[in-house]
């Protein structure tokens, strides 16, 4: 059971890191002064959001939603970790 918990915890942490990159890109897409590579990650997030039907939601709201989702996934990954 401990091995399953470690694997699930590791997967959740990796998922949280991927969501964190998308969140950072979403916030960078709001600014014209952000680096190009970071705005490119934001355009990837925008394309994924439009594919999910979130195209009509404002960018700032999507970025905040992603930030909350990222912190929830990271917290769940830390909670599940065996002690």
C-alpha atoms as a PDB file:
ATOM      1  CA  UNK A   1       0.000   0.000   0.000  1.00  0.00           C
ATOM      2  CA  UNK A   2       2.891   2.363   0.734  1.00  0.00           C
ATOM      3  CA  UNK A   3       4.293   1.864  -2.756  1.00  0.00           C
ATOM      4  CA  UNK A   4       0.971   2.776  -4.339  1.00  0.00           C
ATOM      5  CA  UNK A   5       0.794   5.900  -2.177  1.00  0.00           C
ATOM      6  CA  UNK A   6       4.326   6.896  -3.221  1.00  0.00           C
ATOM      7  CA  UNK A   7       3.521   6.389  -6.903  1.00  0.00           C
ATOM      8  CA  UNK A   8       0.285   8.362  -6.636  1.00  0.00           C
ATOM      9  CA  UNK A   9       2.034  11.122  -4.724  1.00  0.00           C
ATOM     10  CA  UNK A  10       4.774  11.325  -7.340  1.00  0.00           C
ATOM     11  CA  UNK A  11       2.241  11.450 -10.184  1.00  0.00           C
ATOM     12  CA  UNK A  12       0.307  14.220  -8.461  1.00  0.00           C
ATOM     13  CA  UNK A  13       3.474  16.261  -7.914  1.00  0.00           C
ATOM     14  CA  UNK A  14       4.449  15.889 -11.579  1.00  0.00           C
ATOM     15  CA  UNK A  15       0.914  16.912 -12.599  1.00  0.00           C
ATOM     16  CA  UNK A  16       1.138  19.911 -10.261  1.00  0.00           C
ATOM     17  CA  UNK A  17       4.435  20.954 -11.872  1.00  0.00           C
ATOM     18  CA  UNK A  18       2.868  20.759 -15.331  1.00  0.00           C
ATOM     19  CA  UNK A  19      -0.112  22.785 -14.144  1.00  0.00           C
ATOM     20  CA  UNK A  20       2.261  25.315 -12.562  1.00  0.00           C
ATOM     21  CA  UNK A  21       3.999  25.812 -15.912  1.00  0.00           C
ATOM     22  CA  UNK A  22       0.642  26.348 -17.613  1.00  0.00           C
ATOM     23  CA  UNK A  23      -0.407  28.766 -14.869  1.00  0.00           C
ATOM     24  CA  UNK A  24       2.789  30.762 -15.245  1.00  0.00           C
ATOM     25  CA  UNK A  25       2.243  30.875 -18.996  1.00  0.00           C
ATOM     26  CA  UNK A  26      -1.361  31.996 -18.541  1.00  0.00           C
ATOM     27  CA  UNK A  27      -0.269  34.890 -16.341  1.00  0.00           C
ATOM     28  CA  UNK A  28       2.563  35.739 -18.762  1.00  0.00           C
ATOM     29  CA  UNK A  29       0.112  35.911 -21.656  1.00  0.00           C
ATOM     30  CA  UNK A  30      -1.577  38.824 -19.879  1.00  0.00           C
ATOM     31  CA  UNK A  31       1.577  40.970 -20.139  1.00  0.00           C
ATOM     32  CA  UNK A  32       3.238  42.205 -23.316  1.00  0.00           C
ATOM     33  CA  UNK A  33       6.580  42.491 -21.510  1.00  0.00           C
ATOM     34  CA  UNK A  34       6.856  38.791 -20.691  1.00  0.00           C
ATOM     35  CA  UNK A  35       9.498  36.688 -22.462  1.00  0.00           C
ATOM     36  CA  UNK A  36       8.444  35.113 -25.731  1.00  0.00           C
ATOM     37  CA  UNK A  37       8.961  31.526 -24.558  1.00  0.00           C
ATOM     38  CA  UNK A  38       6.731  32.154 -21.555  1.00  0.00           C
ATOM     39  CA  UNK A  39       4.024  33.754 -23.686  1.00  0.00           C
ATOM     40  CA  UNK A  40       4.270  30.688 -25.945  1.00  0.00           C
ATOM     41  CA  UNK A  41       3.357  28.517 -22.963  1.00  0.00           C
ATOM     42  CA  UNK A  42       0.440  30.908 -22.421  1.00  0.00           C
ATOM     43  CA  UNK A  43      -0.720  30.392 -25.988  1.00  0.00           C
ATOM     44  CA  UNK A  44      -0.539  26.634 -25.401  1.00  0.00           C
ATOM     45  CA  UNK A  45      -2.767  27.102 -22.348  1.00  0.00           C
ATOM     46  CA  UNK A  46      -5.135  29.236 -24.410  1.00  0.00           C
ATOM     47  CA  UNK A  47      -5.376  26.548 -27.091  1.00  0.00           C
ATOM     48  CA  UNK A  48      -6.034  23.878 -24.470  1.00  0.00           C
ATOM     49  CA  UNK A  49      -8.690  26.039 -22.817  1.00  0.00           C
ATOM     50  CA  UNK A  50     -10.478  26.669 -26.092  1.00  0.00           C
ATOM     51  CA  UNK A  51     -10.438  22.929 -26.744  1.00  0.00           C
ATOM     52  CA  UNK A  52     -12.138  22.391 -23.402  1.00  0.00           C
ATOM     53  CA  UNK A  53     -14.764  25.054 -24.114  1.00  0.00           C
ATOM     54  CA  UNK A  54     -13.314  27.759 -21.862  1.00  0.00           C
ATOM     55  CA  UNK A  55     -12.587  30.205 -24.700  1.00  0.00           C
ATOM     56  CA  UNK A  56     -15.240  32.683 -23.555  1.00  0.00           C
ATOM     57  CA  UNK A  57     -13.854  32.865 -19.998  1.00  0.00           C
ATOM     58  CA  UNK A  58     -11.544  35.885 -19.519  1.00  0.00           C
ATOM     59  CA  UNK A  59      -7.808  35.129 -19.415  1.00  0.00           C
ATOM     60  CA  UNK A  60      -7.307  36.424 -15.888  1.00  0.00           C
ATOM     61  CA  UNK A  61     -10.115  34.237 -14.560  1.00  0.00           C
ATOM     62  CA  UNK A  62      -8.614  31.198 -16.300  1.00  0.00           C
ATOM     63  CA  UNK A  63      -5.203  31.991 -14.815  1.00  0.00           C
ATOM     64  CA  UNK A  64      -6.647  32.300 -11.309  1.00  0.00           C
ATOM     65  CA  UNK A  65      -8.599  29.077 -11.738  1.00  0.00           C
ATOM     66  CA  UNK A  66      -5.428  27.307 -12.862  1.00  0.00           C
ATOM     67  CA  UNK A  67      -3.550  28.692  -9.845  1.00  0.00           C
ATOM     68  CA  UNK A  68      -6.181  27.345  -7.450  1.00  0.00           C
ATOM     69  CA  UNK A  69      -6.256  23.989  -9.243  1.00  0.00           C
ATOM     70  CA  UNK A  70      -2.454  23.775  -9.143  1.00  0.00           C
ATOM     71  CA  UNK A  71      -2.321  24.439  -5.415  1.00  0.00           C
ATOM     72  CA  UNK A  72      -5.081  21.901  -4.763  1.00  0.00           C
ATOM     73  CA  UNK A  73      -3.282  19.184  -6.739  1.00  0.00           C
ATOM     74  CA  UNK A  74       0.030  19.960  -5.002  1.00  0.00           C
ATOM     75  CA  UNK A  75      -1.667  19.849  -1.601  1.00  0.00           C
ATOM     76  CA  UNK A  76      -3.288  16.513  -2.439  1.00  0.00           C
ATOM     77  CA  UNK A  77       0.071  15.134  -3.544  1.00  0.00           C
ATOM     78  CA  UNK A  78       1.627  16.225  -0.242  1.00  0.00           C
ATOM     79  CA  UNK A  79      -1.292  14.842   1.764  1.00  0.00           C
ATOM     80  CA  UNK A  80      -1.181  11.395   0.161  1.00  0.00           C
ATOM     81  CA  UNK A  81       2.590  11.029   0.648  1.00  0.00           C
ATOM     82  CA  UNK A  82       3.327   8.227   3.127  1.00  0.00           C
ATOM     83  CA  UNK A  83       4.822   9.339   6.424  1.00  0.00           C
END
